[in-house]
Amino acid sequence: MSYYTPKILVLATLVTAITQSGSFPLIGWMSARMQYVLYNSQYQPKEEFQEERNAAVWQWVLITIATGTVIALERISVGIAGENLTFNVRKALIRSVLYKQLSWFDDERRAPGVLLTNFAEDITLLNGLTTESAIMILEPSCTIVVGIVVSSLFSWEITLVALAVSPLVFLGAIS
């Protein structure tokens, strides 16, 4: 019996989650750059402003396309991993039921229809608990780590202040 080991899908999901978490600081930087370009428009010649504006817009478009592609790849890898997990668990459950003695089915809780309904419901819950929950934990965790690293590269002082104040932000979000 082969065990389900989605090493490539887990690696793909991890790489895409880390890449996507890097897109949030990049989008923040692009927003600040766009505001800077628009704010300085009144102090620049028109041609220079248009060049900077066009460059910023094209960078924004490229970042948006790259982020969308990474998110799509992440969702695809999570979906495939979840479907493979569901298929293998169903296969193992049905194989184990096939080798039961006939008297095992005499209990009304083990009627074929009841068993198949329970398998369908439980496996759907298993899929939701493993793949969807894992990505909901992985993405924010990677985003926090990448955000701290990127902000430390720009200004370690502001990073320390932000880390010191972050428990207050969490408390404010809870209440």
N, C-alpha and C. Protein backbone atom coordinates (compact mmCIF):
# COMPACT_ATOMS: atom_id res chain seq x y z
N MET A 1 0.85 -1.19 0.00
CA MET A 1 0.00 0.00 0.00
C MET A 1 0.88 1.24 0.00
N SER A 2 0.64 2.11 -0.92
CA SER A 2 1.44 3.33 -1.00
C SER A 2 0.76 4.44 -0.18
N TYR A 3 1.59 5.19 0.51
CA TYR A 3 1.08 6.29 1.32
C TYR A 3 1.11 7.57 0.51
N TYR A 4 0.20 8.44 0.84
CA TYR A 4 0.07 9.71 0.12
C TYR A 4 1.13 10.68 0.62
N THR A 5 2.06 11.04 -0.24
CA THR A 5 3.10 12.00 0.12
C THR A 5 3.22 13.06 -0.98
N PRO A 6 2.52 14.15 -0.82
CA PRO A 6 2.53 15.21 -1.85
C PRO A 6 3.69 16.18 -1.69
N LYS A 7 4.91 15.67 -1.75
CA LYS A 7 6.07 16.52 -1.48
C LYS A 7 6.20 17.67 -2.47
N ILE A 8 5.98 17.39 -3.73
CA ILE A 8 6.11 18.45 -4.74
C ILE A 8 5.02 19.49 -4.57
N LEU A 9 3.78 19.04 -4.28
CA LEU A 9 2.69 20.00 -4.10
C LEU A 9 2.88 20.84 -2.84
N VAL A 10 3.39 20.22 -1.78
CA VAL A 10 3.66 20.97 -0.56
C VAL A 10 4.76 22.00 -0.81
N LEU A 11 5.79 21.60 -1.53
CA LEU A 11 6.87 22.53 -1.86
C LEU A 11 6.35 23.67 -2.74
N ALA A 12 5.53 23.33 -3.73
CA ALA A 12 4.96 24.37 -4.60
C ALA A 12 4.09 25.34 -3.80
N THR A 13 3.29 24.80 -2.89
CA THR A 13 2.44 25.65 -2.06
C THR A 13 3.28 26.54 -1.15
N LEU A 14 4.32 25.99 -0.58
CA LEU A 14 5.19 26.78 0.29
C LEU A 14 5.89 27.90 -0.49
N VAL A 15 6.41 27.58 -1.66
CA VAL A 15 7.11 28.59 -2.47
C VAL A 15 6.14 29.69 -2.91
N THR A 16 4.94 29.30 -3.35
CA THR A 16 3.98 30.31 -3.79
C THR A 16 3.47 31.15 -2.62
N ALA A 17 3.32 30.54 -1.44
CA ALA A 17 2.88 31.31 -0.27
C ALA A 17 3.94 32.33 0.14
N ILE A 18 5.20 31.93 0.10
CA ILE A 18 6.28 32.87 0.43
C ILE A 18 6.36 33.98 -0.61
N THR A 19 6.23 33.60 -1.89
CA THR A 19 6.26 34.59 -2.96
C THR A 19 5.09 35.56 -2.83
N GLN A 20 3.91 35.02 -2.55
CA GLN A 20 2.74 35.90 -2.40
C GLN A 20 2.90 36.81 -1.19
N SER A 21 3.46 36.30 -0.11
CA SER A 21 3.63 37.14 1.07
C SER A 21 4.63 38.27 0.80
N GLY A 22 5.54 38.05 -0.13
CA GLY A 22 6.44 39.12 -0.53
C GLY A 22 5.77 40.17 -1.38
N SER A 23 4.63 39.83 -1.95
CA SER A 23 3.94 40.80 -2.80
C SER A 23 3.27 41.90 -1.99
N PHE A 24 2.90 41.62 -0.75
CA PHE A 24 2.23 42.66 0.07
C PHE A 24 3.15 43.85 0.35
N PRO A 25 4.38 43.62 0.80
CA PRO A 25 5.26 44.80 0.95
C PRO A 25 5.55 45.48 -0.38
N LEU A 26 5.63 44.69 -1.44
CA LEU A 26 5.88 45.25 -2.77
C LEU A 26 4.72 46.14 -3.21
N ILE A 27 3.51 45.70 -2.95
CA ILE A 27 2.33 46.51 -3.29
C ILE A 27 2.30 47.79 -2.44
N GLY A 28 2.68 47.68 -1.17
CA GLY A 28 2.77 48.87 -0.33
C GLY A 28 3.81 49.85 -0.83
N TRP A 29 4.95 49.33 -1.26
CA TRP A 29 5.99 50.18 -1.81
C TRP A 29 5.51 50.85 -3.10
N MET A 30 4.80 50.09 -3.94
CA MET A 30 4.30 50.66 -5.19
C MET A 30 3.24 51.74 -4.91
N SER A 31 2.41 51.53 -3.91
CA SER A 31 1.43 52.56 -3.55
C SER A 31 2.12 53.84 -3.11
N ALA A 32 3.15 53.70 -2.29
CA ALA A 32 3.90 54.87 -1.83
C ALA A 32 4.59 55.56 -3.01
N ARG A 33 5.15 54.77 -3.91
CA ARG A 33 5.81 55.35 -5.08
C ARG A 33 4.81 56.10 -5.96
N MET A 34 3.64 55.50 -6.14
CA MET A 34 2.61 56.15 -6.97
C MET A 34 2.17 57.47 -6.33
N GLN A 35 2.00 57.48 -5.01
CA GLN A 35 1.63 58.71 -4.33
C GLN A 35 2.73 59.76 -4.47
N TYR A 36 3.98 59.32 -4.38
CA TYR A 36 5.11 60.25 -4.52
C TYR A 36 5.13 60.86 -5.92
N VAL A 37 4.92 60.01 -6.92
CA VAL A 37 4.92 60.51 -8.31
C VAL A 37 3.79 61.51 -8.50
N LEU A 38 2.61 61.18 -8.01
CA LEU A 38 1.47 62.07 -8.19
C LEU A 38 1.61 63.36 -7.38
N TYR A 39 2.17 63.26 -6.20
CA TYR A 39 2.36 64.45 -5.37
C TYR A 39 3.37 65.41 -5.99
N ASN A 40 4.44 64.85 -6.56
CA ASN A 40 5.48 65.69 -7.15
C ASN A 40 5.15 66.16 -8.56
N SER A 41 3.98 65.85 -9.05
CA SER A 41 3.63 66.24 -10.43
C SER A 41 3.61 67.75 -10.61
N GLN A 42 3.27 68.48 -9.58
CA GLN A 42 3.20 69.93 -9.72
C GLN A 42 4.58 70.58 -9.71
N TYR A 43 5.62 69.85 -9.29
CA TYR A 43 6.96 70.42 -9.20
C TYR A 43 7.87 69.97 -10.34
N GLN A 44 7.34 69.17 -11.26
CA GLN A 44 8.15 68.63 -12.35
C GLN A 44 7.64 69.14 -13.69
N PRO A 45 8.51 69.09 -14.69
CA PRO A 45 8.02 69.36 -16.04
C PRO A 45 7.03 68.26 -16.46
N LYS A 46 6.14 68.61 -17.35
CA LYS A 46 5.07 67.69 -17.75
C LYS A 46 5.61 66.39 -18.35
N GLU A 47 6.64 66.49 -19.20
CA GLU A 47 7.19 65.31 -19.86
C GLU A 47 7.82 64.35 -18.84
N GLU A 48 8.55 64.92 -17.88
CA GLU A 48 9.20 64.09 -16.85
C GLU A 48 8.15 63.41 -15.98
N PHE A 49 7.10 64.13 -15.64
CA PHE A 49 6.02 63.55 -14.84
C PHE A 49 5.35 62.40 -15.59
N GLN A 50 5.08 62.60 -16.89
CA GLN A 50 4.41 61.57 -17.67
C GLN A 50 5.28 60.31 -17.77
N GLU A 51 6.59 60.48 -17.91
CA GLU A 51 7.48 59.32 -17.96
C GLU A 51 7.46 58.56 -16.65
N GLU A 52 7.57 59.28 -15.54
CA GLU A 52 7.54 58.62 -14.23
C GLU A 52 6.20 57.95 -13.96
N ARG A 53 5.13 58.64 -14.33
CA ARG A 53 3.80 58.08 -14.14
C ARG A 53 3.61 56.81 -14.95
N ASN A 54 4.00 56.85 -16.21
CA ASN A 54 3.85 55.67 -17.07
C ASN A 54 4.69 54.50 -16.56
N ALA A 55 5.92 54.79 -16.11
CA ALA A 55 6.76 53.72 -15.57
C ALA A 55 6.13 53.12 -14.32
N ALA A 56 5.59 53.95 -13.44
CA ALA A 56 4.96 53.46 -12.22
C ALA A 56 3.71 52.63 -12.52
N VAL A 57 2.94 53.08 -13.49
CA VAL A 57 1.72 52.33 -13.86
C VAL A 57 2.08 50.98 -14.44
N TRP A 58 3.09 50.93 -15.31
CA TRP A 58 3.49 49.65 -15.90
C TRP A 58 4.07 48.72 -14.84
N GLN A 59 4.82 49.26 -13.89
CA GLN A 59 5.31 48.42 -12.79
C GLN A 59 4.14 47.88 -11.97
N TRP A 60 3.16 48.71 -11.74
CA TRP A 60 1.97 48.30 -11.00
C TRP A 60 1.24 47.16 -11.74
N VAL A 61 1.11 47.30 -13.05
CA VAL A 61 0.45 46.27 -13.85
C VAL A 61 1.23 44.96 -13.78
N LEU A 62 2.55 45.04 -13.92
CA LEU A 62 3.36 43.82 -13.86
C LEU A 62 3.29 43.15 -12.50
N ILE A 63 3.31 43.93 -11.44
CA ILE A 63 3.20 43.36 -10.09
C ILE A 63 1.84 42.71 -9.90
N THR A 64 0.80 43.34 -10.42
CA THR A 64 -0.55 42.78 -10.30
C THR A 64 -0.66 41.46 -11.06
N ILE A 65 -0.12 41.40 -12.26
CA ILE A 65 -0.17 40.16 -13.04
C ILE A 65 0.65 39.06 -12.35
N ALA A 66 1.83 39.41 -11.86
CA ALA A 66 2.67 38.42 -11.18
C ALA A 66 1.99 37.90 -9.91
N THR A 67 1.40 38.81 -9.14
CA THR A 67 0.70 38.40 -7.91
C THR A 67 -0.49 37.51 -8.23
N GLY A 68 -1.26 37.88 -9.23
CA GLY A 68 -2.40 37.04 -9.63
C GLY A 68 -1.98 35.66 -10.08
N THR A 69 -0.87 35.59 -10.82
CA THR A 69 -0.36 34.30 -11.27
C THR A 69 0.09 33.44 -10.11
N VAL A 70 0.79 34.04 -9.16
CA VAL A 70 1.26 33.30 -7.99
C VAL A 70 0.08 32.80 -7.15
N ILE A 71 -0.93 33.65 -6.97
CA ILE A 71 -2.11 33.23 -6.21
C ILE A 71 -2.82 32.09 -6.92
N ALA A 72 -2.93 32.17 -8.24
CA ALA A 72 -3.57 31.09 -9.00
C ALA A 72 -2.79 29.78 -8.86
N LEU A 73 -1.47 29.85 -8.96
CA LEU A 73 -0.65 28.64 -8.80
C LEU A 73 -0.78 28.06 -7.40
N GLU A 74 -0.86 28.93 -6.41
CA GLU A 74 -1.02 28.46 -5.04
C GLU A 74 -2.36 27.74 -4.86
N ARG A 75 -3.42 28.35 -5.36
CA ARG A 75 -4.75 27.73 -5.23
C ARG A 75 -4.82 26.41 -6.01
N ILE A 76 -4.17 26.36 -7.17
CA ILE A 76 -4.17 25.12 -7.95
C ILE A 76 -3.43 24.02 -7.21
N SER A 77 -2.27 24.33 -6.66
CA SER A 77 -1.51 23.30 -5.94
C SER A 77 -2.22 22.83 -4.69
N VAL A 78 -2.88 23.75 -3.98
CA VAL A 78 -3.65 23.36 -2.80
C VAL A 78 -4.85 22.51 -3.21
N GLY A 79 -5.51 22.89 -4.29
CA GLY A 79 -6.66 22.12 -4.77
C GLY A 79 -6.28 20.72 -5.19
N ILE A 80 -5.18 20.59 -5.92
CA ILE A 80 -4.73 19.27 -6.37
C ILE A 80 -4.33 18.42 -5.17
N ALA A 81 -3.62 19.02 -4.22
CA ALA A 81 -3.23 18.26 -3.02
C ALA A 81 -4.45 17.79 -2.25
N GLY A 82 -5.45 18.65 -2.11
CA GLY A 82 -6.68 18.27 -1.40
C GLY A 82 -7.44 17.17 -2.12
N GLU A 83 -7.54 17.28 -3.44
CA GLU A 83 -8.24 16.24 -4.20
C GLU A 83 -7.50 14.91 -4.16
N ASN A 84 -6.17 14.95 -4.24
CA ASN A 84 -5.40 13.71 -4.13
C ASN A 84 -5.56 13.08 -2.75
N LEU A 85 -5.56 13.90 -1.71
CA LEU A 85 -5.77 13.39 -0.35
C LEU A 85 -7.14 12.76 -0.23
N THR A 86 -8.16 13.43 -0.73
CA THR A 86 -9.52 12.90 -0.68
C THR A 86 -9.62 11.58 -1.42
N PHE A 87 -9.05 11.51 -2.61
CA PHE A 87 -9.11 10.29 -3.41
C PHE A 87 -8.44 9.13 -2.69
N ASN A 88 -7.26 9.36 -2.14
CA ASN A 88 -6.53 8.27 -1.49
C ASN A 88 -7.21 7.81 -0.21
N VAL A 89 -7.79 8.72 0.56
CA VAL A 89 -8.49 8.33 1.78
C VAL A 89 -9.76 7.55 1.42
N ARG A 90 -10.49 8.02 0.41
CA ARG A 90 -11.68 7.28 -0.02
C ARG A 90 -11.31 5.88 -0.50
N LYS A 91 -10.25 5.78 -1.26
CA LYS A 91 -9.82 4.49 -1.78
C LYS A 91 -9.46 3.54 -0.63
N ALA A 92 -8.74 4.07 0.36
CA ALA A 92 -8.36 3.22 1.50
C ALA A 92 -9.58 2.80 2.32
N LEU A 93 -10.54 3.72 2.51
CA LEU A 93 -11.74 3.37 3.27
C LEU A 93 -12.59 2.33 2.56
N ILE A 94 -12.78 2.53 1.27
CA ILE A 94 -13.59 1.57 0.53
C ILE A 94 -12.89 0.22 0.45
N ARG A 95 -11.58 0.22 0.29
CA ARG A 95 -10.84 -1.05 0.28
C ARG A 95 -11.00 -1.76 1.62
N SER A 96 -10.95 -1.01 2.73
CA SER A 96 -11.09 -1.67 4.04
C SER A 96 -12.50 -2.21 4.24
N VAL A 97 -13.51 -1.54 3.69
CA VAL A 97 -14.90 -2.01 3.83
C VAL A 97 -15.13 -3.25 2.95
N LEU A 98 -14.47 -3.30 1.82
CA LEU A 98 -14.68 -4.44 0.92
C LEU A 98 -14.23 -5.76 1.53
N TYR A 99 -13.30 -5.74 2.42
CA TYR A 99 -12.79 -6.97 3.02
C TYR A 99 -13.47 -7.33 4.34
N LYS A 100 -14.53 -6.63 4.70
CA LYS A 100 -15.28 -6.96 5.92
C LYS A 100 -16.17 -8.17 5.66
N GLN A 101 -16.44 -8.91 6.74
CA GLN A 101 -17.36 -10.04 6.61
C GLN A 101 -18.78 -9.52 6.48
N LEU A 102 -19.63 -10.36 5.92
CA LEU A 102 -21.00 -9.95 5.68
C LEU A 102 -21.74 -9.60 6.97
N SER A 103 -21.44 -10.27 8.04
CA SER A 103 -22.12 -9.99 9.31
C SER A 103 -21.79 -8.59 9.84
N TRP A 104 -20.70 -8.02 9.39
CA TRP A 104 -20.33 -6.67 9.83
C TRP A 104 -21.36 -5.65 9.35
N PHE A 105 -22.02 -5.90 8.22
CA PHE A 105 -23.00 -4.98 7.65
C PHE A 105 -24.38 -5.13 8.28
N ASP A 106 -24.57 -6.11 9.19
CA ASP A 106 -25.88 -6.33 9.78
C ASP A 106 -26.30 -5.18 10.70
N ASP A 107 -25.37 -4.50 11.28
CA ASP A 107 -25.69 -3.35 12.12
C ASP A 107 -26.22 -2.24 11.22
N GLU A 108 -27.33 -1.61 11.64
CA GLU A 108 -27.94 -0.58 10.78
C GLU A 108 -27.07 0.66 10.62
N ARG A 109 -26.12 0.87 11.53
CA ARG A 109 -25.18 1.99 11.38
C ARG A 109 -24.14 1.72 10.30
N ARG A 110 -24.07 0.45 9.87
CA ARG A 110 -23.08 0.08 8.86
C ARG A 110 -23.71 -0.35 7.54
N ALA A 111 -24.90 0.11 7.31
CA ALA A 111 -25.55 -0.17 6.03
C ALA A 111 -24.75 0.53 4.93
N PRO A 112 -24.69 -0.04 3.73
CA PRO A 112 -23.87 0.56 2.68
C PRO A 112 -24.19 2.03 2.40
N GLY A 113 -25.46 2.40 2.38
CA GLY A 113 -25.83 3.79 2.13
C GLY A 113 -25.36 4.71 3.24
N VAL A 114 -25.49 4.27 4.47
CA VAL A 114 -25.05 5.08 5.62
C VAL A 114 -23.53 5.23 5.59
N LEU A 115 -22.84 4.13 5.29
CA LEU A 115 -21.37 4.20 5.23
C LEU A 115 -20.88 5.17 4.16
N LEU A 116 -21.47 5.09 2.99
CA LEU A 116 -21.04 5.97 1.91
C LEU A 116 -21.35 7.43 2.22
N THR A 117 -22.47 7.69 2.85
CA THR A 117 -22.80 9.06 3.25
C THR A 117 -21.80 9.57 4.28
N ASN A 118 -21.48 8.74 5.26
CA ASN A 118 -20.50 9.14 6.27
C ASN A 118 -19.12 9.35 5.66
N PHE A 119 -18.74 8.49 4.72
CA PHE A 119 -17.44 8.66 4.06
C PHE A 119 -17.40 9.98 3.32
N ALA A 120 -18.45 10.29 2.59
CA ALA A 120 -18.47 11.53 1.81
C ALA A 120 -18.38 12.76 2.71
N GLU A 121 -19.15 12.76 3.80
CA GLU A 121 -19.14 13.92 4.71
C GLU A 121 -17.82 14.05 5.44
N ASP A 122 -17.32 12.93 5.96
CA ASP A 122 -16.09 12.99 6.75
C ASP A 122 -14.88 13.34 5.90
N ILE A 123 -14.85 12.84 4.68
CA ILE A 123 -13.70 13.13 3.82
C ILE A 123 -13.73 14.58 3.35
N THR A 124 -14.92 15.11 3.13
CA THR A 124 -15.02 16.53 2.77
C THR A 124 -14.52 17.40 3.92
N LEU A 125 -14.88 17.02 5.15
CA LEU A 125 -14.37 17.75 6.32
C LEU A 125 -12.86 17.62 6.43
N LEU A 126 -12.33 16.44 6.15
CA LEU A 126 -10.89 16.22 6.20
C LEU A 126 -10.17 17.11 5.19
N ASN A 127 -10.72 17.20 4.00
CA ASN A 127 -10.13 18.05 2.97
C ASN A 127 -10.13 19.52 3.42
N GLY A 128 -11.25 19.96 3.99
CA GLY A 128 -11.33 21.35 4.46
C GLY A 128 -10.39 21.63 5.61
N LEU A 129 -10.22 20.65 6.49
CA LEU A 129 -9.36 20.86 7.65
C LEU A 129 -7.88 20.82 7.31
N THR A 130 -7.52 20.05 6.32
CA THR A 130 -6.10 19.92 6.02
C THR A 130 -5.62 20.98 5.04
N THR A 131 -6.18 21.03 3.86
CA THR A 131 -5.62 21.92 2.85
C THR A 131 -6.03 23.37 3.04
N GLU A 132 -7.30 23.62 3.24
CA GLU A 132 -7.76 25.00 3.36
C GLU A 132 -7.28 25.66 4.64
N SER A 133 -7.30 24.92 5.73
CA SER A 133 -6.83 25.48 7.00
C SER A 133 -5.33 25.72 6.98
N ALA A 134 -4.61 24.81 6.34
CA ALA A 134 -3.16 24.95 6.30
C ALA A 134 -2.76 26.21 5.54
N ILE A 135 -3.42 26.47 4.43
CA ILE A 135 -3.06 27.66 3.65
C ILE A 135 -3.49 28.93 4.37
N MET A 136 -4.56 28.87 5.16
CA MET A 136 -5.00 30.04 5.92
C MET A 136 -4.02 30.37 7.05
N ILE A 137 -3.25 29.40 7.49
CA ILE A 137 -2.23 29.64 8.51
C ILE A 137 -0.90 30.00 7.85
N LEU A 138 -0.60 29.34 6.73
CA LEU A 138 0.68 29.54 6.07
C LEU A 138 0.83 30.94 5.48
N GLU A 139 -0.19 31.43 4.80
CA GLU A 139 -0.09 32.74 4.15
C GLU A 139 0.18 33.88 5.13
N PRO A 140 -0.62 34.03 6.19
CA PRO A 140 -0.33 35.15 7.11
C PRO A 140 1.01 35.00 7.83
N SER A 141 1.38 33.75 8.15
CA SER A 141 2.67 33.55 8.82
C SER A 141 3.82 33.99 7.92
N CYS A 142 3.78 33.57 6.67
CA CYS A 142 4.83 34.00 5.72
C CYS A 142 4.79 35.51 5.51
N THR A 143 3.60 36.08 5.48
CA THR A 143 3.48 37.53 5.28
C THR A 143 4.11 38.29 6.43
N ILE A 144 3.89 37.83 7.64
CA ILE A 144 4.49 38.49 8.80
C ILE A 144 6.01 38.42 8.75
N VAL A 145 6.54 37.23 8.46
CA VAL A 145 8.00 37.06 8.43
C VAL A 145 8.61 37.90 7.31
N VAL A 146 8.05 37.83 6.11
CA VAL A 146 8.60 38.59 4.99
C VAL A 146 8.45 40.09 5.25
N GLY A 147 7.33 40.51 5.84
CA GLY A 147 7.13 41.93 6.16
C GLY A 147 8.16 42.44 7.15
N ILE A 148 8.47 41.62 8.16
CA ILE A 148 9.48 42.02 9.15
C ILE A 148 10.86 42.12 8.49
N VAL A 149 11.18 41.15 7.64
CA VAL A 149 12.48 41.17 6.96
C VAL A 149 12.60 42.38 6.04
N VAL A 150 11.57 42.62 5.23
CA VAL A 150 11.63 43.74 4.29
C VAL A 150 11.68 45.07 5.03
N SER A 151 10.86 45.22 6.07
CA SER A 151 10.87 46.49 6.80
C SER A 151 12.19 46.69 7.54
N SER A 152 12.81 45.59 7.99
CA SER A 152 14.11 45.71 8.65
C SER A 152 15.19 46.19 7.68
N LEU A 153 15.06 45.78 6.43
CA LEU A 153 16.04 46.23 5.43
C LEU A 153 15.94 47.73 5.17
N PHE A 154 14.73 48.28 5.24
CA PHE A 154 14.55 49.70 4.99
C PHE A 154 14.84 50.54 6.23
N SER A 155 14.30 50.12 7.39
CA SER A 155 14.52 50.89 8.61
C SER A 155 14.30 49.98 9.82
N TRP A 156 15.37 49.55 10.44
CA TRP A 156 15.23 48.64 11.57
C TRP A 156 14.62 49.34 12.78
N GLU A 157 14.78 50.66 12.88
CA GLU A 157 14.21 51.39 14.01
C GLU A 157 12.68 51.37 13.96
N ILE A 158 12.14 51.66 12.76
CA ILE A 158 10.68 51.65 12.60
C ILE A 158 10.14 50.23 12.75
N THR A 159 10.92 49.25 12.34
CA THR A 159 10.51 47.85 12.50
C THR A 159 10.36 47.51 13.98
N LEU A 160 11.30 47.94 14.80
CA LEU A 160 11.22 47.67 16.24
C LEU A 160 10.02 48.37 16.87
N VAL A 161 9.75 49.59 16.44
CA VAL A 161 8.59 50.31 16.96
C VAL A 161 7.30 49.59 16.55
N ALA A 162 7.23 49.17 15.28
CA ALA A 162 6.04 48.47 14.80
C ALA A 162 5.84 47.15 15.55
N LEU A 163 6.92 46.43 15.81
CA LEU A 163 6.81 45.17 16.57
C LEU A 163 6.38 45.42 18.02
N ALA A 164 6.86 46.52 18.59
CA ALA A 164 6.47 46.84 19.97
C ALA A 164 5.00 47.22 20.06
N VAL A 165 4.46 47.85 19.03
CA VAL A 165 3.07 48.31 19.05
C VAL A 165 2.10 47.23 18.54
N SER A 166 2.60 46.22 17.86
CA SER A 166 1.71 45.21 17.25
C SER A 166 0.81 44.49 18.24
N PRO A 167 1.22 44.20 19.49
CA PRO A 167 0.24 43.59 20.42
C PRO A 167 -0.97 44.48 20.68
N LEU A 168 -0.76 45.79 20.68
CA LEU A 168 -1.88 46.70 20.86
C LEU A 168 -2.82 46.66 19.65
N VAL A 169 -2.26 46.50 18.47
CA VAL A 169 -3.07 46.39 17.26
C VAL A 169 -3.91 45.11 17.32
N PHE A 170 -3.28 44.00 17.75
CA PHE A 170 -4.01 42.74 17.87
C PHE A 170 -5.14 42.85 18.90
N LEU A 171 -4.86 43.50 20.02
CA LEU A 171 -5.89 43.69 21.04
C LEU A 171 -7.04 44.55 20.52
N GLY A 172 -6.70 45.56 19.75
CA GLY A 172 -7.73 46.40 19.16
C GLY A 172 -8.56 45.65 18.15
N ALA A 173 -7.95 44.73 17.43
CA ALA A 173 -8.70 43.93 16.44
C ALA A 173 -9.62 42.92 17.10
N ILE A 174 -9.23 42.44 18.27
CA ILE A 174 -10.05 41.44 18.98
C ILE A 174 -11.31 42.08 19.55
N SER A 175 -11.15 43.26 20.13
CA SER A 175 -12.30 43.89 20.80
C SER A 175 -13.18 44.68 19.88
